[in-house]
């Protein structure tokens, strides 16, 4: 099957990037995007340029001066064209193909496996995830103050301990909670399942003030 451009026009097999001043000079008008064009392909071009860090405006269907400037910057950085080239700022098949290739490489460089859950990634250590956090205290109604690992929080009300789902964060792990500090995963809870943690605080007043928050959690070890 032929590889398609970003915009539905087939790239001919064997295309060789020309010298900077001549790039895109031999292409036909078919599949070419230029300043003043208004169509859905322009929005796709802008999206790809934004992914690569060349376009910062709002995407739309109009190829205006900001889009043209972004195309020029991309072409110059990738040796496709230059200010001396007749097609500088025109998104022809060569420019489109280079953008498509850059986007594919960026996604492959992430090292992430599609379908892999955030929780599974966290078990490898050093990876961050967004979790819902609540707070509890050793003096809460029905609480013994003894954690799942046997730590007595009644004797250490300032202990940096969190309750976790052991299937997500193993007990005994050292965990960094962004903006709050480092904690040990030493407890569990009936409602602490999946991407949730319960942060130990000294007293009920602080627990009530904490409420529910979304926090970035990193398993350090």
N, C-alpha and C. Protein backbone atom coordinates (compact mmCIF):
# COMPACT_ATOMS: atom_id res chain seq x y z
N UNK A 1 0.86 -1.18 0.00
CA UNK A 1 0.00 0.00 0.00
C UNK A 1 0.89 1.23 0.00
N UNK A 2 0.50 2.25 -0.77
CA UNK A 2 1.31 3.45 -0.83
C UNK A 2 1.15 4.25 0.45
N UNK A 3 2.21 4.84 0.87
CA UNK A 3 2.16 5.71 2.04
C UNK A 3 1.50 7.01 1.65
N UNK A 4 0.57 7.48 2.46
CA UNK A 4 -0.13 8.72 2.17
C UNK A 4 0.54 9.90 2.85
N UNK A 5 0.35 11.08 2.26
CA UNK A 5 0.79 12.29 2.94
C UNK A 5 -0.17 12.58 4.06
N UNK A 6 0.11 13.61 4.81
CA UNK A 6 -0.79 14.02 5.89
C UNK A 6 -2.14 14.39 5.34
N UNK A 7 -2.17 14.79 4.09
CA UNK A 7 -3.36 15.43 3.57
C UNK A 7 -4.02 14.65 2.44
N UNK A 8 -3.75 13.36 2.36
CA UNK A 8 -4.46 12.51 1.44
C UNK A 8 -3.82 12.36 0.08
N UNK A 9 -2.69 13.03 -0.20
CA UNK A 9 -2.01 12.91 -1.49
C UNK A 9 -0.88 11.91 -1.36
N UNK A 10 -0.79 10.92 -2.25
CA UNK A 10 0.24 9.89 -2.12
C UNK A 10 1.61 10.48 -2.37
N UNK A 11 2.59 10.07 -1.58
CA UNK A 11 3.99 10.45 -1.80
C UNK A 11 4.59 9.41 -2.74
N UNK A 12 5.16 9.86 -3.82
CA UNK A 12 5.74 8.94 -4.78
C UNK A 12 6.97 8.27 -4.19
N UNK A 13 7.05 6.96 -4.35
CA UNK A 13 8.19 6.22 -3.81
C UNK A 13 9.47 6.74 -4.42
N UNK A 14 10.51 6.85 -3.62
CA UNK A 14 11.81 7.25 -4.12
C UNK A 14 12.05 8.74 -4.15
N UNK A 15 11.17 9.56 -3.53
CA UNK A 15 11.39 10.99 -3.50
C UNK A 15 12.68 11.28 -2.75
N UNK A 16 13.51 12.11 -3.31
CA UNK A 16 14.77 12.46 -2.67
C UNK A 16 14.72 13.93 -2.30
N UNK A 17 15.05 14.26 -1.05
CA UNK A 17 15.05 15.66 -0.64
C UNK A 17 16.06 16.41 -1.48
N UNK A 18 15.63 17.48 -2.09
CA UNK A 18 16.51 18.27 -2.94
C UNK A 18 17.36 19.21 -2.13
N UNK A 19 18.17 19.98 -2.81
CA UNK A 19 18.98 20.99 -2.14
C UNK A 19 18.05 22.04 -1.56
N UNK A 20 18.43 22.72 -0.48
CA UNK A 20 17.56 23.66 0.19
C UNK A 20 16.88 24.66 -0.71
N UNK A 21 17.55 25.20 -1.71
CA UNK A 21 16.95 26.23 -2.53
C UNK A 21 15.96 25.67 -3.55
N UNK A 22 16.01 24.39 -3.83
CA UNK A 22 15.16 23.83 -4.87
C UNK A 22 14.06 22.95 -4.33
N UNK A 23 14.00 22.75 -3.02
CA UNK A 23 13.03 21.83 -2.44
C UNK A 23 11.62 22.23 -2.79
N UNK A 24 10.79 21.23 -3.12
CA UNK A 24 9.39 21.40 -3.49
C UNK A 24 9.22 22.11 -4.83
N UNK A 25 10.31 22.45 -5.49
CA UNK A 25 10.19 23.23 -6.72
C UNK A 25 9.63 22.43 -7.87
N UNK A 26 9.71 21.10 -7.81
CA UNK A 26 9.26 20.30 -8.93
C UNK A 26 7.88 19.70 -8.73
N UNK A 27 7.25 20.00 -7.62
CA UNK A 27 5.95 19.40 -7.35
C UNK A 27 4.86 20.15 -8.10
N UNK A 28 3.74 19.45 -8.32
CA UNK A 28 2.61 20.08 -8.97
C UNK A 28 1.77 20.79 -7.93
N UNK A 29 0.79 21.53 -8.34
CA UNK A 29 -0.07 22.25 -7.41
C UNK A 29 -0.96 21.30 -6.63
N UNK A 30 -1.15 20.07 -7.11
CA UNK A 30 -2.03 19.12 -6.44
C UNK A 30 -1.42 18.69 -5.11
N UNK A 31 -2.18 18.84 -4.03
CA UNK A 31 -1.68 18.45 -2.72
C UNK A 31 -0.81 19.50 -2.07
N UNK A 32 -0.67 20.66 -2.67
CA UNK A 32 0.18 21.71 -2.15
C UNK A 32 -0.65 22.72 -1.36
N UNK A 33 -0.14 23.17 -0.21
CA UNK A 33 -0.84 24.16 0.60
C UNK A 33 -0.01 25.42 0.65
N UNK A 34 -0.69 26.55 0.39
CA UNK A 34 0.02 27.82 0.29
C UNK A 34 -0.78 28.90 1.03
N UNK A 35 -0.14 30.01 1.28
CA UNK A 35 -0.78 31.13 1.97
C UNK A 35 -2.05 31.55 1.23
N UNK A 36 -3.12 31.71 1.96
CA UNK A 36 -4.41 32.07 1.38
C UNK A 36 -5.36 30.90 1.22
N UNK A 37 -4.83 29.67 1.29
CA UNK A 37 -5.69 28.49 1.18
C UNK A 37 -6.61 28.41 2.40
N UNK A 38 -7.84 27.98 2.16
CA UNK A 38 -8.81 27.80 3.24
C UNK A 38 -9.48 26.44 3.05
N UNK A 39 -9.06 25.46 3.86
CA UNK A 39 -9.65 24.13 3.79
C UNK A 39 -9.26 23.33 5.04
N UNK A 40 -9.82 22.16 5.17
CA UNK A 40 -9.59 21.34 6.36
C UNK A 40 -8.15 20.84 6.45
N UNK A 41 -7.48 20.73 5.30
CA UNK A 41 -6.09 20.26 5.32
C UNK A 41 -5.16 21.24 6.03
N UNK A 42 -5.53 22.52 5.99
CA UNK A 42 -4.71 23.53 6.67
C UNK A 42 -4.69 23.27 8.17
N UNK A 43 -5.86 22.92 8.73
CA UNK A 43 -5.92 22.63 10.17
C UNK A 43 -5.03 21.45 10.52
N UNK A 44 -4.99 20.44 9.64
CA UNK A 44 -4.15 19.28 9.90
C UNK A 44 -2.67 19.66 9.83
N UNK A 45 -2.35 20.52 8.88
CA UNK A 45 -0.98 21.02 8.78
C UNK A 45 -0.58 21.76 10.05
N UNK A 46 -1.47 22.63 10.53
CA UNK A 46 -1.19 23.39 11.74
C UNK A 46 -1.01 22.48 12.95
N UNK A 47 -1.84 21.42 13.02
CA UNK A 47 -1.72 20.47 14.13
C UNK A 47 -0.35 19.81 14.14
N UNK A 48 0.13 19.39 12.95
CA UNK A 48 1.43 18.74 12.86
C UNK A 48 2.56 19.71 13.20
N UNK A 49 2.44 20.96 12.74
CA UNK A 49 3.45 21.96 13.05
C UNK A 49 3.46 22.26 14.56
N UNK A 50 2.28 22.24 15.17
CA UNK A 50 2.19 22.49 16.61
C UNK A 50 2.85 21.36 17.38
N UNK A 51 2.65 20.11 16.93
CA UNK A 51 3.28 18.96 17.58
C UNK A 51 4.79 19.08 17.57
N UNK A 52 5.32 19.68 16.50
CA UNK A 52 6.78 19.81 16.37
C UNK A 52 7.30 21.10 16.99
N UNK A 53 6.40 21.93 17.53
CA UNK A 53 6.83 23.14 18.22
C UNK A 53 7.03 24.35 17.33
N UNK A 54 6.45 24.32 16.13
CA UNK A 54 6.64 25.43 15.20
C UNK A 54 5.44 26.36 15.13
N UNK A 55 4.28 25.91 15.54
CA UNK A 55 3.06 26.71 15.44
C UNK A 55 2.43 26.80 16.82
N UNK A 56 2.16 28.04 17.27
CA UNK A 56 1.63 28.22 18.62
C UNK A 56 0.24 28.86 18.63
N UNK A 57 -0.29 29.18 17.47
CA UNK A 57 -1.58 29.83 17.43
C UNK A 57 -2.74 28.85 17.50
N UNK A 58 -3.94 29.37 17.33
CA UNK A 58 -5.13 28.52 17.29
C UNK A 58 -5.27 27.90 15.91
N UNK A 59 -5.53 26.60 15.87
CA UNK A 59 -5.67 25.93 14.59
C UNK A 59 -7.01 26.30 13.96
N UNK A 60 -7.02 26.29 12.65
CA UNK A 60 -8.23 26.63 11.91
C UNK A 60 -8.10 26.15 10.49
N UNK A 61 -8.85 26.75 9.58
CA UNK A 61 -8.83 26.29 8.19
C UNK A 61 -8.14 27.28 7.26
N UNK A 62 -7.55 28.35 7.80
CA UNK A 62 -6.96 29.38 6.96
C UNK A 62 -5.43 29.37 7.05
N UNK A 63 -4.79 29.32 5.89
CA UNK A 63 -3.33 29.36 5.80
C UNK A 63 -2.92 30.84 5.78
N UNK A 64 -2.64 31.39 6.96
CA UNK A 64 -2.28 32.79 7.08
C UNK A 64 -0.80 32.99 7.31
N UNK A 65 -0.41 34.22 7.68
CA UNK A 65 1.02 34.52 7.85
C UNK A 65 1.69 33.72 8.96
N UNK A 66 0.95 33.40 10.03
CA UNK A 66 1.56 32.63 11.12
C UNK A 66 1.85 31.20 10.68
N UNK A 67 0.95 30.63 9.89
CA UNK A 67 1.16 29.28 9.36
C UNK A 67 2.34 29.29 8.39
N UNK A 68 2.39 30.30 7.53
CA UNK A 68 3.49 30.41 6.57
C UNK A 68 4.83 30.51 7.29
N UNK A 69 4.88 31.33 8.35
CA UNK A 69 6.13 31.48 9.11
C UNK A 69 6.54 30.16 9.75
N UNK A 70 5.56 29.41 10.27
CA UNK A 70 5.86 28.11 10.89
C UNK A 70 6.40 27.13 9.86
N UNK A 71 5.80 27.12 8.66
CA UNK A 71 6.27 26.24 7.58
C UNK A 71 7.71 26.59 7.20
N UNK A 72 7.99 27.87 7.09
CA UNK A 72 9.34 28.32 6.73
C UNK A 72 10.37 27.86 7.77
N UNK A 73 10.01 28.04 9.04
CA UNK A 73 10.94 27.64 10.11
C UNK A 73 11.20 26.13 10.06
N UNK A 74 10.13 25.35 9.83
CA UNK A 74 10.29 23.90 9.76
C UNK A 74 11.16 23.52 8.56
N UNK A 75 10.90 24.14 7.42
CA UNK A 75 11.68 23.83 6.21
C UNK A 75 13.16 24.17 6.41
N UNK A 76 13.41 25.33 7.01
CA UNK A 76 14.81 25.75 7.20
C UNK A 76 15.53 24.81 8.16
N UNK A 77 14.86 24.41 9.23
CA UNK A 77 15.49 23.53 10.22
C UNK A 77 15.73 22.13 9.69
N UNK A 78 14.94 21.72 8.70
CA UNK A 78 15.04 20.35 8.18
C UNK A 78 15.67 20.27 6.80
N UNK A 79 16.27 21.39 6.35
CA UNK A 79 16.98 21.38 5.08
C UNK A 79 16.10 21.17 3.87
N UNK A 80 14.83 21.55 3.98
CA UNK A 80 13.90 21.35 2.86
C UNK A 80 13.90 22.56 1.93
N UNK A 81 14.00 23.74 2.49
CA UNK A 81 14.00 24.95 1.68
C UNK A 81 14.68 26.06 2.46
N UNK A 82 14.84 27.20 1.81
CA UNK A 82 15.45 28.36 2.45
C UNK A 82 14.83 29.61 1.86
N UNK A 83 15.22 30.77 2.38
CA UNK A 83 14.64 32.03 1.90
C UNK A 83 14.92 32.26 0.42
N UNK A 84 15.90 31.56 -0.14
CA UNK A 84 16.22 31.72 -1.56
C UNK A 84 15.40 30.78 -2.44
N UNK A 85 14.65 29.87 -1.83
CA UNK A 85 13.88 28.91 -2.61
C UNK A 85 12.53 29.46 -3.04
N UNK A 86 12.12 29.08 -4.24
CA UNK A 86 10.86 29.57 -4.79
C UNK A 86 9.66 29.08 -4.00
N UNK A 87 9.81 27.92 -3.34
CA UNK A 87 8.69 27.32 -2.63
C UNK A 87 8.86 27.42 -1.11
N UNK A 88 9.65 28.39 -0.67
CA UNK A 88 9.84 28.62 0.76
C UNK A 88 8.52 29.08 1.37
N UNK A 89 8.02 28.34 2.36
CA UNK A 89 6.75 28.68 2.99
C UNK A 89 5.56 27.98 2.38
N UNK A 90 5.80 27.16 1.35
CA UNK A 90 4.73 26.38 0.71
C UNK A 90 4.83 24.94 1.20
N UNK A 91 3.72 24.40 1.71
CA UNK A 91 3.73 23.03 2.22
C UNK A 91 3.36 22.06 1.11
N UNK A 92 4.39 21.65 0.37
CA UNK A 92 4.20 20.66 -0.67
C UNK A 92 4.41 19.26 -0.12
N UNK A 93 4.36 18.23 -0.99
CA UNK A 93 4.49 16.85 -0.55
C UNK A 93 5.77 16.56 0.24
N UNK A 94 6.88 17.22 -0.12
CA UNK A 94 8.12 16.95 0.59
C UNK A 94 8.04 17.48 2.03
N UNK A 95 7.50 18.66 2.20
CA UNK A 95 7.33 19.23 3.54
C UNK A 95 6.34 18.41 4.34
N UNK A 96 5.24 18.03 3.69
CA UNK A 96 4.23 17.23 4.37
C UNK A 96 4.80 15.88 4.81
N UNK A 97 5.56 15.26 3.92
CA UNK A 97 6.15 13.97 4.25
C UNK A 97 7.14 14.06 5.40
N UNK A 98 7.92 15.15 5.43
CA UNK A 98 8.89 15.34 6.52
C UNK A 98 8.17 15.55 7.85
N UNK A 99 7.06 16.29 7.81
CA UNK A 99 6.28 16.49 9.03
C UNK A 99 5.70 15.18 9.53
N UNK A 100 5.21 14.38 8.62
CA UNK A 100 4.63 13.10 9.01
C UNK A 100 5.70 12.19 9.61
N UNK A 101 6.88 12.19 9.02
CA UNK A 101 7.97 11.37 9.54
C UNK A 101 8.42 11.83 10.90
N UNK A 102 8.48 13.16 11.12
CA UNK A 102 8.90 13.69 12.41
C UNK A 102 7.92 13.31 13.50
N UNK A 103 6.62 13.35 13.17
CA UNK A 103 5.59 13.02 14.16
C UNK A 103 5.67 11.56 14.56
N UNK A 104 5.95 10.69 13.58
CA UNK A 104 6.06 9.26 13.87
C UNK A 104 7.24 8.98 14.77
N UNK A 105 8.39 9.65 14.50
CA UNK A 105 9.57 9.45 15.31
C UNK A 105 9.35 9.93 16.73
N UNK A 106 8.63 11.06 16.88
CA UNK A 106 8.37 11.59 18.21
C UNK A 106 7.56 10.62 19.04
N UNK A 107 6.55 10.00 18.41
CA UNK A 107 5.71 9.07 19.16
C UNK A 107 6.47 7.80 19.51
N UNK A 108 7.37 7.37 18.62
CA UNK A 108 8.13 6.16 18.89
C UNK A 108 9.17 6.37 19.97
N UNK A 109 9.69 7.62 20.07
CA UNK A 109 10.71 7.91 21.06
C UNK A 109 10.18 7.93 22.47
N UNK A 110 8.85 7.98 22.63
CA UNK A 110 8.29 8.08 23.98
C UNK A 110 8.53 6.84 24.79
N UNK A 111 8.68 5.68 24.12
CA UNK A 111 8.94 4.44 24.82
C UNK A 111 7.71 3.85 25.48
N UNK A 112 6.54 4.47 25.27
CA UNK A 112 5.34 3.96 25.90
C UNK A 112 4.71 2.89 25.03
N UNK A 113 4.08 1.95 25.65
CA UNK A 113 3.40 0.88 24.94
C UNK A 113 1.91 1.16 25.00
N UNK A 114 1.26 1.24 23.84
CA UNK A 114 -0.16 1.50 23.84
C UNK A 114 -0.89 0.38 24.56
N UNK A 115 -1.85 0.80 25.38
CA UNK A 115 -2.63 -0.18 26.11
C UNK A 115 -2.07 -0.48 27.48
N UNK A 116 -0.84 -0.01 27.77
CA UNK A 116 -0.24 -0.25 29.08
C UNK A 116 -0.83 0.73 30.06
N UNK A 117 -1.28 0.26 31.20
CA UNK A 117 -1.95 1.12 32.16
C UNK A 117 -0.95 1.95 32.92
N UNK A 118 -1.45 3.10 33.46
CA UNK A 118 -0.61 3.99 34.26
C UNK A 118 -0.11 3.26 35.49
N UNK A 119 -0.98 2.44 36.08
CA UNK A 119 -0.61 1.72 37.29
C UNK A 119 0.53 0.76 37.03
N UNK A 120 0.49 0.04 35.89
CA UNK A 120 1.56 -0.90 35.58
C UNK A 120 2.87 -0.18 35.38
N UNK A 121 2.82 0.99 34.74
CA UNK A 121 4.04 1.74 34.52
C UNK A 121 4.65 2.16 35.84
N UNK A 122 3.83 2.50 36.82
CA UNK A 122 4.34 3.00 38.08
C UNK A 122 5.15 1.95 38.83
N UNK A 123 4.83 0.66 38.61
CA UNK A 123 5.53 -0.38 39.33
C UNK A 123 6.99 -0.50 38.95
N UNK A 124 7.36 0.05 37.79
CA UNK A 124 8.74 -0.04 37.35
C UNK A 124 9.62 0.94 38.12
N UNK A 125 9.01 1.90 38.81
CA UNK A 125 9.77 2.85 39.62
C UNK A 125 10.17 4.07 38.82
N UNK A 126 10.15 5.23 39.49
CA UNK A 126 10.60 6.46 38.88
C UNK A 126 9.62 7.10 37.93
N UNK A 127 8.42 6.55 37.74
CA UNK A 127 7.44 7.11 36.83
C UNK A 127 6.35 7.81 37.61
N UNK A 128 5.83 8.87 37.02
CA UNK A 128 4.81 9.66 37.69
C UNK A 128 3.43 9.34 37.17
N UNK A 129 2.43 9.55 38.04
CA UNK A 129 1.04 9.36 37.64
C UNK A 129 0.18 10.34 38.42
N UNK A 130 -0.94 10.69 37.87
CA UNK A 130 -1.90 11.56 38.55
C UNK A 130 -2.86 10.68 39.33
N UNK A 131 -3.00 10.99 40.62
CA UNK A 131 -3.86 10.18 41.49
C UNK A 131 -4.75 11.10 42.32
N UNK A 132 -5.89 10.55 42.75
CA UNK A 132 -6.77 11.28 43.65
C UNK A 132 -6.31 11.03 45.08
N UNK A 133 -6.10 12.11 45.83
CA UNK A 133 -5.61 11.99 47.20
C UNK A 133 -6.65 12.49 48.19
N UNK A 134 -6.81 11.74 49.27
CA UNK A 134 -7.58 12.16 50.43
C UNK A 134 -6.64 12.07 51.62
N UNK A 135 -7.13 12.41 52.81
CA UNK A 135 -6.27 12.37 54.00
C UNK A 135 -7.00 11.67 55.15
N UNK A 136 -6.19 11.06 56.03
CA UNK A 136 -6.76 10.40 57.20
C UNK A 136 -5.82 10.60 58.38
N UNK A 137 -6.31 10.25 59.57
CA UNK A 137 -5.50 10.39 60.77
C UNK A 137 -5.69 9.17 61.67
N UNK A 138 -4.74 8.92 62.52
CA UNK A 138 -4.80 7.76 63.42
C UNK A 138 -5.98 7.85 64.38
N UNK A 139 -6.49 9.06 64.61
CA UNK A 139 -7.56 9.24 65.58
C UNK A 139 -8.95 9.20 64.95
N UNK A 140 -9.01 8.81 63.68
CA UNK A 140 -10.33 8.79 63.02
C UNK A 140 -11.21 7.71 63.65
N UNK A 141 -12.53 7.89 63.53
CA UNK A 141 -13.49 6.94 64.11
C UNK A 141 -13.28 5.56 63.51
N UNK A 142 -13.11 4.57 64.36
CA UNK A 142 -12.94 3.21 63.90
C UNK A 142 -11.53 2.85 63.50
N UNK A 143 -10.59 3.81 63.60
CA UNK A 143 -9.20 3.55 63.23
C UNK A 143 -8.41 3.05 64.44
N UNK A 144 -7.55 2.09 64.20
CA UNK A 144 -6.70 1.58 65.29
C UNK A 144 -5.41 2.37 65.40
N UNK A 145 -5.05 3.04 64.28
CA UNK A 145 -3.77 3.75 64.27
C UNK A 145 -2.61 2.86 63.89
N UNK A 146 -2.87 1.58 63.65
CA UNK A 146 -1.81 0.63 63.26
C UNK A 146 -1.92 0.40 61.76
N UNK A 147 -0.86 0.66 61.03
CA UNK A 147 -0.90 0.52 59.58
C UNK A 147 -0.83 -0.95 59.16
N UNK A 148 -1.02 -1.17 57.88
CA UNK A 148 -0.98 -2.53 57.33
C UNK A 148 0.40 -3.16 57.48
N UNK A 149 1.43 -2.34 57.60
CA UNK A 149 2.78 -2.88 57.78
C UNK A 149 3.17 -2.95 59.26
N UNK A 150 2.23 -2.55 60.15
CA UNK A 150 2.49 -2.65 61.59
C UNK A 150 3.01 -1.40 62.25
N UNK A 151 3.10 -0.31 61.52
CA UNK A 151 3.59 0.95 62.12
C UNK A 151 2.48 1.55 62.99
N UNK A 152 2.83 2.00 64.19
CA UNK A 152 1.87 2.60 65.12
C UNK A 152 1.88 4.12 64.94
N UNK A 153 0.86 4.63 64.25
CA UNK A 153 0.79 6.06 63.99
C UNK A 153 0.38 6.85 65.23
N UNK A 154 -0.17 6.17 66.23
CA UNK A 154 -0.53 6.85 67.47
C UNK A 154 0.72 7.40 68.16
N UNK A 155 1.83 6.75 67.92
CA UNK A 155 3.09 7.16 68.54
C UNK A 155 3.88 8.13 67.67
N UNK A 156 3.40 8.36 66.45
CA UNK A 156 4.12 9.26 65.54
C UNK A 156 3.10 9.95 64.64
N UNK A 157 2.46 10.96 65.18
CA UNK A 157 1.40 11.66 64.44
C UNK A 157 1.92 12.45 63.24
N UNK A 158 3.22 12.65 63.16
CA UNK A 158 3.81 13.39 62.03
C UNK A 158 4.44 12.47 60.99
N UNK A 159 4.19 11.17 61.13
CA UNK A 159 4.79 10.22 60.19
C UNK A 159 4.30 10.47 58.76
N UNK A 160 5.23 10.49 57.82
CA UNK A 160 4.89 10.66 56.40
C UNK A 160 4.54 9.30 55.80
N UNK A 161 3.28 8.95 55.97
CA UNK A 161 2.78 7.64 55.55
C UNK A 161 1.59 7.85 54.62
N UNK A 162 1.46 7.01 53.62
CA UNK A 162 0.26 7.02 52.79
C UNK A 162 -0.31 5.61 52.71
N UNK A 163 -1.62 5.57 52.53
CA UNK A 163 -2.30 4.31 52.26
C UNK A 163 -2.46 4.19 50.75
N UNK A 164 -2.23 2.99 50.23
CA UNK A 164 -2.23 2.77 48.79
C UNK A 164 -2.98 1.50 48.44
N UNK A 165 -3.24 1.34 47.15
CA UNK A 165 -3.66 0.05 46.61
C UNK A 165 -2.38 -0.70 46.26
N UNK A 166 -2.07 -1.78 46.96
CA UNK A 166 -0.80 -2.49 46.71
C UNK A 166 -0.63 -3.01 45.28
N UNK A 167 -1.74 -3.15 44.55
CA UNK A 167 -1.62 -3.57 43.16
C UNK A 167 -1.12 -2.44 42.27
N UNK A 168 -1.19 -1.22 42.77
CA UNK A 168 -0.73 -0.06 42.00
C UNK A 168 0.62 0.43 42.52
N UNK A 169 0.71 0.60 43.84
CA UNK A 169 1.96 1.00 44.49
C UNK A 169 2.27 -0.04 45.57
N UNK A 170 3.31 -0.81 45.42
CA UNK A 170 3.63 -1.86 46.41
C UNK A 170 3.88 -1.29 47.80
N UNK A 171 3.41 -1.99 48.82
CA UNK A 171 3.68 -1.58 50.19
C UNK A 171 5.19 -1.54 50.42
N UNK A 172 5.63 -0.57 51.17
CA UNK A 172 7.06 -0.40 51.43
C UNK A 172 7.74 0.54 50.47
N UNK A 173 7.03 0.97 49.41
CA UNK A 173 7.63 1.87 48.43
C UNK A 173 7.83 3.26 49.02
N UNK A 174 8.87 3.91 48.55
CA UNK A 174 9.06 5.33 48.84
C UNK A 174 8.41 6.12 47.72
N UNK A 175 7.56 7.07 48.09
CA UNK A 175 6.75 7.78 47.12
C UNK A 175 6.91 9.29 47.30
N UNK A 176 7.10 9.98 46.18
CA UNK A 176 7.18 11.44 46.19
C UNK A 176 5.83 11.99 45.74
N UNK A 177 5.20 12.81 46.60
CA UNK A 177 3.94 13.46 46.26
C UNK A 177 4.27 14.92 45.96
N UNK A 178 4.03 15.33 44.72
CA UNK A 178 4.42 16.67 44.29
C UNK A 178 3.83 17.75 45.19
N UNK A 179 4.71 18.64 45.65
CA UNK A 179 4.28 19.75 46.47
C UNK A 179 4.06 19.40 47.93
N UNK A 180 4.21 18.12 48.30
CA UNK A 180 3.94 17.70 49.67
C UNK A 180 5.13 17.01 50.33
N UNK A 181 5.94 16.32 49.55
CA UNK A 181 7.11 15.67 50.13
C UNK A 181 7.17 14.19 49.86
N UNK A 182 8.02 13.51 50.62
CA UNK A 182 8.27 12.08 50.44
C UNK A 182 7.53 11.28 51.51
N UNK A 183 6.92 10.19 51.09
CA UNK A 183 6.11 9.35 51.99
C UNK A 183 6.49 7.89 51.80
N UNK A 184 6.13 7.09 52.79
CA UNK A 184 6.27 5.64 52.69
C UNK A 184 4.88 5.02 52.53
N UNK A 185 4.77 4.11 51.58
CA UNK A 185 3.51 3.39 51.37
C UNK A 185 3.44 2.27 52.41
N UNK A 186 2.77 2.55 53.54
CA UNK A 186 2.75 1.59 54.65
C UNK A 186 1.35 1.19 55.08
N UNK A 187 0.34 1.66 54.36
CA UNK A 187 -1.01 1.37 54.81
C UNK A 187 -1.92 1.10 53.61
N UNK A 188 -3.07 0.53 53.89
CA UNK A 188 -4.10 0.27 52.88
C UNK A 188 -5.43 0.77 53.44
N UNK A 189 -6.47 0.72 52.62
CA UNK A 189 -7.79 1.13 53.07
C UNK A 189 -8.86 0.55 52.17
N UNK A 190 -10.03 0.30 52.74
CA UNK A 190 -11.10 -0.32 51.96
C UNK A 190 -11.51 0.48 50.74
N UNK A 191 -11.43 1.81 50.83
CA UNK A 191 -11.83 2.67 49.71
C UNK A 191 -10.65 3.10 48.85
N UNK A 192 -9.46 2.66 49.22
CA UNK A 192 -8.26 3.07 48.48
C UNK A 192 -7.96 2.03 47.42
N UNK A 193 -8.59 2.21 46.28
CA UNK A 193 -8.44 1.27 45.17
C UNK A 193 -8.04 2.01 43.91
N UNK A 194 -7.22 1.37 43.10
CA UNK A 194 -6.81 1.98 41.83
C UNK A 194 -5.94 3.19 42.04
N UNK A 195 -6.20 4.24 41.28
CA UNK A 195 -5.36 5.44 41.31
C UNK A 195 -5.80 6.37 42.43
N UNK A 196 -5.74 5.88 43.65
CA UNK A 196 -6.07 6.68 44.82
C UNK A 196 -5.03 6.47 45.91
N UNK A 197 -4.78 7.51 46.69
CA UNK A 197 -3.94 7.39 47.88
C UNK A 197 -4.63 8.11 49.03
N UNK A 198 -4.29 7.73 50.26
CA UNK A 198 -4.80 8.38 51.46
C UNK A 198 -3.58 8.83 52.26
N UNK A 199 -3.48 10.12 52.48
CA UNK A 199 -2.28 10.71 53.10
C UNK A 199 -2.50 10.85 54.61
N UNK A 200 -1.58 10.32 55.40
CA UNK A 200 -1.68 10.45 56.86
C UNK A 200 -1.31 11.87 57.28
N UNK A 201 -2.19 12.47 58.11
CA UNK A 201 -1.93 13.80 58.67
C UNK A 201 -2.10 13.72 60.18
N UNK A 202 -1.59 14.71 60.94
CA UNK A 202 -1.57 14.61 62.40
C UNK A 202 -2.93 14.57 63.09
N UNK A 203 -3.94 15.26 62.53
CA UNK A 203 -5.21 15.32 63.24
C UNK A 203 -6.40 15.41 62.30
N UNK A 204 -7.59 15.26 62.89
CA UNK A 204 -8.83 15.24 62.10
C UNK A 204 -9.08 16.56 61.39
N UNK A 205 -8.72 17.67 62.04
CA UNK A 205 -8.93 18.98 61.44
C UNK A 205 -8.17 19.11 60.11
N UNK A 206 -6.92 18.66 60.10
CA UNK A 206 -6.13 18.71 58.87
C UNK A 206 -6.68 17.75 57.82
N UNK A 207 -7.17 16.61 58.27
CA UNK A 207 -7.74 15.65 57.34
C UNK A 207 -8.96 16.23 56.64
N UNK A 208 -9.82 16.91 57.42
CA UNK A 208 -11.01 17.52 56.84
C UNK A 208 -10.66 18.66 55.90
N UNK A 209 -9.63 19.42 56.24
CA UNK A 209 -9.21 20.55 55.40
C UNK A 209 -8.59 20.08 54.08
N UNK A 210 -8.00 18.90 54.12
CA UNK A 210 -7.31 18.38 52.94
C UNK A 210 -8.29 18.15 51.79
N UNK A 211 -9.46 17.59 52.12
CA UNK A 211 -10.46 17.32 51.08
C UNK A 211 -10.00 16.27 50.08
N UNK A 212 -10.33 16.49 48.82
CA UNK A 212 -9.90 15.61 47.72
C UNK A 212 -9.08 16.44 46.74
N UNK A 213 -7.94 15.91 46.37
CA UNK A 213 -7.06 16.62 45.47
C UNK A 213 -6.49 15.68 44.42
N UNK A 214 -6.22 16.20 43.25
CA UNK A 214 -5.47 15.45 42.24
C UNK A 214 -4.01 15.82 42.40
N UNK A 215 -3.15 14.82 42.58
CA UNK A 215 -1.73 15.07 42.82
C UNK A 215 -0.89 14.20 41.89
N UNK A 216 0.33 14.67 41.64
CA UNK A 216 1.29 13.88 40.86
C UNK A 216 2.11 13.02 41.84
N UNK A 217 2.11 11.75 41.61
CA UNK A 217 2.77 10.80 42.51
C UNK A 217 3.87 10.07 41.75
N UNK A 218 5.07 10.01 42.34
CA UNK A 218 6.19 9.31 41.72
C UNK A 218 6.70 8.24 42.68
N UNK A 219 6.76 7.00 42.20
CA UNK A 219 7.33 5.93 43.00
C UNK A 219 8.84 6.00 42.86
N UNK A 220 9.51 6.37 43.95
CA UNK A 220 10.96 6.55 43.91
C UNK A 220 11.68 5.21 43.95
N UNK A 221 11.25 4.31 44.87
CA UNK A 221 11.83 2.96 44.91
C UNK A 221 10.86 2.03 45.61
